[in-house]
Amino acid sequence: MKILTVLTYYRPHTSGLTIYAERLARAFVQRGHQVTVMTTQYDPSLPREEIMDGVKVIRVPVVARVSKGVLAPTFGFVATKLVWQHDVVQLHLPQFDAPGVAFRARLFGKPAVLTYHCDVQLPMGFFNRFVNFVLDFQNNMAGILANHIVTYTQDYADHSPFLSRYASKLTPILPPVELPVATPEAVSAFAQTNLTHERNPVIGMAARFASEKGVEVLLDAMPAILKKYPKAQVLFAGTYQNVMGEQAYSDRLMPRIHDYEIQGRWKFLGNLDPAQMAAYYPNLDVITVPSLNSTEAFGLVQIEAMINGVPSVPSALPGVRRPVKMHGMGVVSEIGNSESLANAILEVLDNKEKYRGDVPAIKTAYNPDSVAQEYEKLFVKLGAKQ
């Protein structure tokens, strides 16, 4: 099967969406399919075409940025050629260009499947409201034109203004999760480099430093956590400097975080590659996903942590709360409530054995090959050539 995957950002850009797309594309290739990823050349230094893990990546030049998006005038021209050449089109939303690609799929009789990752809620401001309106319109046009829509969980779909419109053509498929296996030596070396004390409680947060991620909720929870565990430390993995559209948010929180850095209570690790993430998780006692709005639909890092035996404390957002509820590995906290977050983290730290979970079963459920098989069944059902 020739599969065309279309999304705005792809590797080396790092986000939950790009990681999902990369894992699924690789799994398709390993199952014998021909996969092309069409994306934007958001960084001019990136090659226009390359092969990554057997996946052909085609990047369309960008002429300008708009908020967190990009403008690529030749996107439609390239899409016309690629849609015609493939058997099925898989689009990752949110994406401004999705309706044009979905229309071409309809025109050429190729099934179009949307993978909807999250609703978009940009920061306050007239311009951002306008961008949000345009993106919502584009997403809805793509929803109308697409043959089918995939979401992570029914819980998120039931609460999403976008997904609730398309219940008749919606299928929940769990996201693909995989990590390399870290050697004991790698885990130990990571600890020696990054942990402040011999064996203090370690709280992980893996995300972009962005307002919707709820960094301030964890920051506000720290005094209560440190009162009981004075040596507790946060290890923050992910981009934390020069995050697009988040400078004001960073400027507001960084002075407080810097105080904790001086005390050895907080450490920024920056972006970690998969091997480094594999060494990161075993050094945690708990991971937290204190996200504040529906731009977070699941929190893939929760599953990455769980397959390493690490419980999670997410906020009670639809979708985000599902991993803990499904697998029993952690405690859900109230959205935006630092006291609730602190209490949930302390509950997990105080009762580690209670939240161990069935790690082998979790690994099986999220194996990328299993996820790719579910997509294959959907593609065939929609009439894609095998």
Protein backbone atom coordinates (compact mmCIF):
# COMPACT_ATOMS: atom_id res chain seq x y z
CA MET A 1 0.00 0.00 0.00
CA LYS A 2 1.27 3.49 -0.83
CA ILE A 3 0.52 5.75 2.13
CA LEU A 4 0.83 9.53 2.03
CA THR A 5 1.14 11.16 5.44
CA VAL A 6 0.64 14.93 5.56
CA LEU A 7 1.40 17.25 8.47
CA THR A 8 2.83 20.72 9.07
CA TYR A 9 5.85 19.75 11.17
CA TYR A 10 7.86 16.53 11.07
CA ARG A 11 11.16 15.46 12.52
CA PRO A 12 13.51 16.91 13.66
CA HIS A 13 10.78 19.12 15.13
CA THR A 14 9.78 17.60 18.47
CA SER A 15 6.20 17.44 19.75
CA GLY A 16 3.74 14.72 20.67
CA LEU A 17 2.21 15.02 17.20
CA THR A 18 5.50 14.64 15.31
CA ILE A 19 6.60 11.73 17.51
CA TYR A 20 3.27 9.97 16.86
CA ALA A 21 3.56 10.54 13.11
CA GLU A 22 7.15 9.31 13.00
CA ARG A 23 6.42 6.13 14.97
CA LEU A 24 3.39 5.29 12.84
CA ALA A 25 5.21 5.98 9.56
CA ARG A 26 8.09 3.72 10.62
CA ALA A 27 5.66 0.97 11.64
CA PHE A 28 3.94 1.16 8.23
CA VAL A 29 7.32 0.79 6.51
CA GLN A 30 8.25 -2.18 8.69
CA ARG A 31 4.97 -3.80 7.68
CA GLY A 32 5.93 -3.53 4.02
CA HIS A 33 4.16 -0.34 2.95
CA GLN A 34 5.61 2.53 0.93
CA VAL A 35 5.31 5.70 3.01
CA THR A 36 5.82 9.32 1.97
CA VAL A 37 5.63 12.15 4.49
CA MET A 38 4.71 15.54 3.05
CA THR A 39 5.54 18.38 5.43
CA THR A 40 7.00 21.89 5.50
CA GLN A 41 10.60 23.01 5.40
CA TYR A 42 10.10 25.03 8.58
CA ASP A 43 13.89 25.24 8.99
CA PRO A 44 15.66 26.32 5.74
CA SER A 45 18.68 24.20 6.66
CA LEU A 46 16.64 20.99 6.36
CA PRO A 47 16.86 19.08 3.05
CA ARG A 48 13.93 19.31 0.66
CA GLU A 49 13.90 15.52 0.35
CA GLU A 50 15.45 12.72 2.38
CA ILE A 51 14.88 9.14 3.54
CA MET A 52 14.44 8.70 7.30
CA ASP A 53 14.12 5.12 8.60
CA GLY A 54 12.74 4.00 5.25
CA VAL A 55 10.23 6.86 5.10
CA LYS A 56 10.51 9.31 2.20
CA VAL A 57 10.21 12.86 3.56
CA ILE A 58 9.30 15.72 1.20
CA ARG A 59 9.48 19.24 2.64
CA VAL A 60 7.72 22.20 1.02
CA PRO A 61 9.45 25.60 1.33
CA VAL A 62 8.05 28.13 3.81
CA VAL A 63 7.82 31.85 3.04
CA ALA A 64 6.48 33.14 6.36
CA ARG A 65 5.33 32.20 9.85
CA VAL A 66 1.89 32.99 11.26
CA SER A 67 1.69 32.48 15.03
CA LYS A 68 2.75 28.84 15.49
CA GLY A 69 1.98 27.97 11.88
CA VAL A 70 3.68 28.54 8.53
CA LEU A 71 2.78 29.66 5.01
CA ALA A 72 3.93 27.40 2.18
CA PRO A 73 2.47 28.66 -1.13
CA THR A 74 3.45 25.58 -3.19
CA PHE A 75 1.94 23.10 -0.72
CA GLY A 76 -1.14 22.55 -2.88
CA PHE A 77 0.88 22.00 -6.05
CA VAL A 78 3.05 19.34 -4.40
CA ALA A 79 -0.01 17.76 -2.74
CA THR A 80 -1.78 17.32 -6.09
CA LYS A 81 1.09 15.24 -7.45
CA LEU A 82 1.57 13.16 -4.29
CA VAL A 83 -2.11 12.43 -3.62
CA TRP A 84 -2.45 11.12 -7.19
CA GLN A 85 0.54 8.81 -6.67
CA HIS A 86 -0.66 7.20 -3.42
CA ASP A 87 -3.41 4.78 -2.39
CA VAL A 88 -4.51 6.47 0.84
CA VAL A 89 -3.94 9.84 2.48
CA GLN A 90 -3.46 10.22 6.22
CA LEU A 91 -3.55 13.78 7.54
CA HIS A 92 -2.52 14.88 11.01
CA LEU A 93 -4.62 17.71 12.45
CA PRO A 94 -4.51 20.54 13.49
CA GLN A 95 -3.26 21.59 10.05
CA PHE A 96 -4.09 24.65 7.96
CA ASP A 97 -3.55 22.90 4.62
CA ALA A 98 -5.62 19.79 5.45
CA PRO A 99 -8.86 20.67 3.59
CA GLY A 100 -7.02 21.26 0.32
CA VAL A 101 -5.30 17.88 0.59
CA ALA A 102 -8.53 16.13 1.62
CA PHE A 103 -10.31 17.73 -1.36
CA ARG A 104 -7.66 16.37 -3.72
CA ALA A 105 -8.10 12.90 -2.18
CA ARG A 106 -11.86 13.12 -2.85
CA LEU A 107 -11.21 14.35 -6.38
CA PHE A 108 -8.87 11.45 -7.15
CA GLY A 109 -10.95 8.81 -5.34
CA LYS A 110 -8.35 8.17 -2.63
CA PRO A 111 -9.52 7.54 0.97
CA ALA A 112 -8.58 10.39 3.32
CA VAL A 113 -8.21 9.68 7.04
CA LEU A 114 -7.66 12.44 9.58
CA THR A 115 -5.75 11.74 12.78
CA TYR A 116 -6.98 14.45 15.13
CA HIS A 117 -4.48 15.17 17.88
CA CYS A 118 -6.00 18.04 19.80
CA ASP A 119 -8.13 21.15 19.77
CA VAL A 120 -6.21 24.41 19.40
CA GLN A 121 -6.46 27.22 21.93
CA LEU A 122 -3.90 29.93 21.27
CA PRO A 123 -3.04 32.54 23.94
CA MET A 124 -5.34 35.53 24.37
CA GLY A 125 -5.18 38.39 21.88
CA PHE A 126 -7.07 39.64 18.83
CA PHE A 127 -4.60 38.21 16.30
CA ASN A 128 -4.53 34.79 17.99
CA ARG A 129 -8.34 34.72 18.07
CA PHE A 130 -8.34 35.37 14.33
CA VAL A 131 -5.77 32.59 13.74
CA ASN A 132 -7.83 30.24 15.92
CA PHE A 133 -10.96 31.06 13.91
CA VAL A 134 -9.22 30.38 10.58
CA LEU A 135 -7.67 27.13 11.83
CA ASP A 136 -11.01 25.93 13.24
CA PHE A 137 -12.63 26.66 9.88
CA GLN A 138 -9.91 24.77 8.02
CA ASN A 139 -10.13 21.80 10.38
CA ASN A 140 -13.89 21.64 9.95
CA MET A 141 -13.61 21.74 6.18
CA ALA A 142 -11.12 18.88 6.40
CA GLY A 143 -13.53 17.01 8.68
CA ILE A 144 -16.32 17.36 6.13
CA LEU A 145 -14.14 16.23 3.23
CA ALA A 146 -12.38 13.34 4.99
CA ASN A 147 -13.71 9.79 4.79
CA HIS A 148 -12.90 9.00 8.40
CA ILE A 149 -11.37 10.49 11.56
CA VAL A 150 -9.14 8.81 14.14
CA THR A 151 -8.81 10.08 17.70
CA TYR A 152 -6.87 8.76 20.70
CA THR A 153 -9.81 8.11 23.04
CA GLN A 154 -13.58 8.31 23.06
CA ASP A 155 -13.29 10.37 26.25
CA TYR A 156 -11.55 13.16 24.36
CA ALA A 157 -13.91 12.88 21.39
CA ASP A 158 -16.96 13.28 23.60
CA HIS A 159 -15.64 16.62 24.92
CA SER A 160 -14.07 18.04 21.76
CA PRO A 161 -16.15 20.67 19.90
CA PHE A 162 -14.58 19.47 16.66
CA LEU A 163 -14.83 15.70 17.09
CA SER A 164 -18.35 15.74 18.49
CA ARG A 165 -19.55 16.98 15.07
CA TYR A 166 -18.26 13.85 13.32
CA ALA A 167 -19.29 11.01 15.61
CA SER A 168 -20.61 8.99 12.65
CA LYS A 169 -17.15 8.68 11.09
CA LEU A 170 -14.94 8.45 14.15
CA THR A 171 -12.74 5.60 15.41
CA PRO A 172 -10.61 5.71 18.60
CA ILE A 173 -7.16 4.13 18.15
CA LEU A 174 -4.60 4.22 20.94
CA PRO A 175 -1.39 6.07 20.00
CA PRO A 176 1.91 4.32 19.16
CA VAL A 177 4.49 4.31 21.94
CA GLU A 178 7.98 2.85 21.86
CA LEU A 179 11.39 3.58 23.32
CA PRO A 180 14.76 1.87 23.05
CA VAL A 181 15.78 -0.21 26.05
CA ALA A 182 18.29 1.64 28.22
CA THR A 183 21.17 -0.33 29.68
CA PRO A 184 21.69 -0.23 33.47
CA GLU A 185 24.91 1.65 32.76
CA ALA A 186 23.07 4.33 30.78
CA VAL A 187 20.45 4.74 33.52
CA SER A 188 23.17 5.03 36.15
CA ALA A 189 25.17 7.52 34.10
CA PHE A 190 22.06 9.65 33.62
CA ALA A 191 21.51 9.66 37.39
CA GLN A 192 25.10 10.65 38.13
CA THR A 193 24.87 13.53 35.69
CA ASN A 194 21.45 14.91 36.58
CA LEU A 195 20.33 13.97 40.09
CA THR A 196 21.17 16.34 42.91
CA HIS A 197 21.13 13.84 45.79
CA GLU A 198 21.81 10.16 46.23
CA ARG A 199 18.16 9.08 45.99
CA ASN A 200 15.78 11.95 46.36
CA PRO A 201 12.21 11.73 45.04
CA VAL A 202 12.38 12.72 41.37
CA ILE A 203 9.40 14.30 39.63
CA GLY A 204 9.48 14.29 35.85
CA MET A 205 7.81 16.65 33.42
CA ALA A 206 8.40 16.15 29.69
CA ALA A 207 6.92 18.86 27.49
CA ARG A 208 7.54 22.08 25.64
CA PHE A 209 7.73 25.04 28.01
CA ALA A 210 4.34 26.41 26.94
CA SER A 211 1.40 28.03 28.69
CA GLU A 212 -1.03 25.20 27.97
CA LYS A 213 1.29 22.67 29.65
CA GLY A 214 0.62 24.03 33.14
CA VAL A 215 4.22 24.50 34.24
CA GLU A 216 3.09 27.07 36.81
CA VAL A 217 0.76 24.52 38.42
CA LEU A 218 3.73 22.29 39.21
CA LEU A 219 5.73 25.33 40.27
CA ASP A 220 2.99 26.35 42.71
CA ALA A 221 2.81 22.78 44.03
CA MET A 222 6.50 22.64 44.88
CA PRO A 223 6.35 24.21 48.39
CA ALA A 224 3.93 21.54 49.64
CA ILE A 225 5.97 18.76 48.02
CA LEU A 226 9.24 20.08 49.43
CA LYS A 227 7.72 20.39 52.89
CA LYS A 228 7.36 16.60 53.03
CA TYR A 229 10.26 15.71 50.74
CA PRO A 230 12.88 18.47 51.15
CA LYS A 231 15.21 16.84 48.63
CA ALA A 232 12.61 16.37 45.90
CA GLN A 233 13.78 17.40 42.44
CA VAL A 234 12.05 18.19 39.15
CA LEU A 235 13.69 17.00 35.93
CA PHE A 236 12.14 18.92 33.04
CA ALA A 237 12.76 17.32 29.64
CA GLY A 238 11.88 19.26 26.52
CA THR A 239 12.39 22.59 24.80
CA TYR A 240 12.42 25.39 27.36
CA GLN A 241 14.18 28.23 25.55
CA ASN A 242 12.91 30.29 22.61
CA VAL A 243 9.68 28.33 22.32
CA MET A 244 7.57 29.87 19.54
CA GLY A 245 4.92 32.20 20.97
CA GLU A 246 5.84 31.55 24.60
CA GLN A 247 8.43 34.19 25.48
CA ALA A 248 6.13 36.19 27.78
CA TYR A 249 5.13 33.02 29.60
CA SER A 250 8.78 32.04 30.04
CA ASP A 251 9.75 35.51 31.26
CA ARG A 252 7.03 35.34 33.92
CA LEU A 253 7.98 31.95 35.36
CA MET A 254 11.74 31.71 34.92
CA PRO A 255 12.74 33.90 37.91
CA ARG A 256 10.89 31.57 40.29
CA ILE A 257 12.26 28.47 38.62
CA HIS A 258 15.77 29.88 38.75
CA ASP A 259 15.53 29.98 42.55
CA TYR A 260 14.73 26.25 42.56
CA GLU A 261 17.59 25.61 40.12
CA ILE A 262 20.03 27.24 42.50
CA GLN A 263 18.75 25.00 45.30
CA GLY A 264 19.09 21.87 43.15
CA ARG A 265 15.34 21.35 43.17
CA TRP A 266 14.75 21.87 39.42
CA LYS A 267 16.82 21.02 36.36
CA PHE A 268 16.15 21.67 32.68
CA LEU A 269 17.45 18.88 30.47
CA GLY A 270 16.50 20.30 27.07
CA ASN A 271 15.39 18.06 24.21
CA LEU A 272 16.40 14.45 24.75
CA ASP A 273 16.72 11.91 21.95
CA PRO A 274 14.93 8.53 22.30
CA ALA A 275 17.96 6.83 23.89
CA GLN A 276 18.27 9.64 26.43
CA MET A 277 14.54 9.51 27.19
CA ALA A 278 14.89 5.77 27.77
CA ALA A 279 17.49 6.54 30.45
CA TYR A 280 15.43 9.44 31.81
CA TYR A 281 12.26 7.57 32.76
CA PRO A 282 13.80 4.90 35.05
CA ASN A 283 15.26 7.72 37.14
CA LEU A 284 11.82 9.14 37.91
CA ASP A 285 9.53 8.31 40.80
CA VAL A 286 6.55 9.97 39.14
CA ILE A 287 5.79 11.96 36.01
CA THR A 288 3.24 14.73 35.85
CA VAL A 289 1.16 16.17 33.00
CA PRO A 290 -0.57 19.20 34.58
CA SER A 291 -1.93 20.53 31.27
CA LEU A 292 -4.62 23.18 31.33
CA ASN A 293 -6.67 22.91 28.15
CA SER A 294 -7.72 20.67 25.29
CA THR A 295 -4.55 21.29 23.28
CA GLU A 296 -3.41 18.27 25.29
CA ALA A 297 -5.43 15.22 24.26
CA PHE A 298 -3.58 12.32 25.86
CA GLY A 299 -0.01 12.91 26.99
CA LEU A 300 2.12 10.26 25.28
CA VAL A 301 4.82 10.74 27.90
CA GLN A 302 2.52 9.10 30.43
CA ILE A 303 2.68 5.81 28.53
CA GLU A 304 6.42 6.15 27.96
CA ALA A 305 6.81 6.52 31.72
CA MET A 306 4.42 3.65 32.49
CA ILE A 307 6.26 1.16 30.29
CA ASN A 308 9.25 1.99 32.48
CA GLY A 309 7.24 1.32 35.64
CA VAL A 310 6.75 5.01 36.47
CA PRO A 311 3.27 6.18 37.57
CA SER A 312 1.70 9.42 36.35
CA VAL A 313 -0.17 12.36 37.85
CA PRO A 314 -2.08 14.09 35.04
CA SER A 315 -4.72 16.79 35.20
CA ALA A 316 -8.35 15.71 34.81
CA LEU A 317 -8.59 16.89 31.20
CA PRO A 318 -10.62 14.61 28.90
CA GLY A 319 -8.25 12.19 27.23
CA VAL A 320 -5.31 13.15 29.44
CA ARG A 321 -6.92 11.40 32.42
CA ARG A 322 -7.51 8.18 30.47
CA PRO A 323 -4.07 6.50 30.79
CA VAL A 324 -4.24 6.56 34.59
CA LYS A 325 -7.87 5.47 34.60
CA MET A 326 -7.23 2.65 32.12
CA HIS A 327 -4.04 1.31 33.66
CA GLY A 328 -4.28 2.28 37.33
CA MET A 329 -0.78 3.74 37.39
CA GLY A 330 -1.20 7.04 39.18
CA VAL A 331 -3.64 9.62 40.46
CA VAL A 332 -5.62 12.26 38.54
CA SER A 333 -5.45 15.84 39.85
CA GLU A 334 -7.85 18.74 39.37
CA ILE A 335 -7.18 20.97 36.38
CA GLY A 336 -5.11 24.02 37.31
CA ASN A 337 -5.21 23.23 41.04
CA SER A 338 -1.70 23.23 42.53
CA GLU A 339 -2.89 21.91 45.91
CA SER A 340 -4.59 18.96 44.21
CA LEU A 341 -1.48 18.33 42.12
CA ALA A 342 0.77 18.38 45.19
CA ASN A 343 -1.54 16.00 47.07
CA ALA A 344 -1.69 13.59 44.11
CA ILE A 345 2.09 13.56 43.69
CA LEU A 346 2.57 12.99 47.42
CA GLU A 347 0.03 10.14 47.35
CA VAL A 348 2.03 8.41 44.62
CA LEU A 349 5.38 9.03 46.32
CA ASP A 350 4.00 7.68 49.61
CA ASN A 351 2.50 4.54 48.02
CA LYS A 352 4.72 3.53 45.11
CA GLU A 353 3.83 -0.17 45.13
CA LYS A 354 0.13 0.65 44.84
CA TYR A 355 0.64 2.25 41.42
CA ARG A 356 2.96 -0.21 39.65
CA GLY A 357 0.46 -1.51 37.06
CA ASP A 358 0.77 -4.26 34.44
CA VAL A 359 3.72 -3.02 32.39
CA PRO A 360 3.83 -5.89 29.83
CA ALA A 361 0.14 -5.40 29.00
CA ILE A 362 0.67 -1.66 28.54
CA LYS A 363 3.60 -2.25 26.19
CA THR A 364 1.48 -4.57 24.06
CA ALA A 365 -1.48 -2.17 23.84
CA TYR A 366 0.64 0.71 22.50
CA ASN A 367 3.08 -1.22 20.31
CA PRO A 368 3.41 0.73 17.03
CA ASP A 369 2.94 -2.45 14.99
CA SER A 370 -0.42 -3.07 16.71
CA VAL A 371 -1.46 0.53 16.07
CA ALA A 372 -0.41 0.29 12.40
CA GLN A 373 -2.55 -2.83 12.02
CA GLU A 374 -5.60 -0.94 13.27
CA TYR A 375 -4.97 1.77 10.68
CA GLU A 376 -4.52 -0.84 7.97
CA LYS A 377 -7.92 -2.35 8.77
CA LEU A 378 -9.48 1.11 8.52
CA PHE A 379 -7.74 1.92 5.23
CA VAL A 380 -8.91 -1.36 3.67
CA LYS A 381 -12.44 -0.82 4.97
CA LEU A 382 -12.47 2.58 3.25
CA GLY A 383 -11.40 1.02 -0.05
CA ALA A 384 -7.65 1.62 -0.20
CA LYS A 385 -5.71 -0.65 -2.56
CA GLN A 386 -3.69 -3.35 -0.77
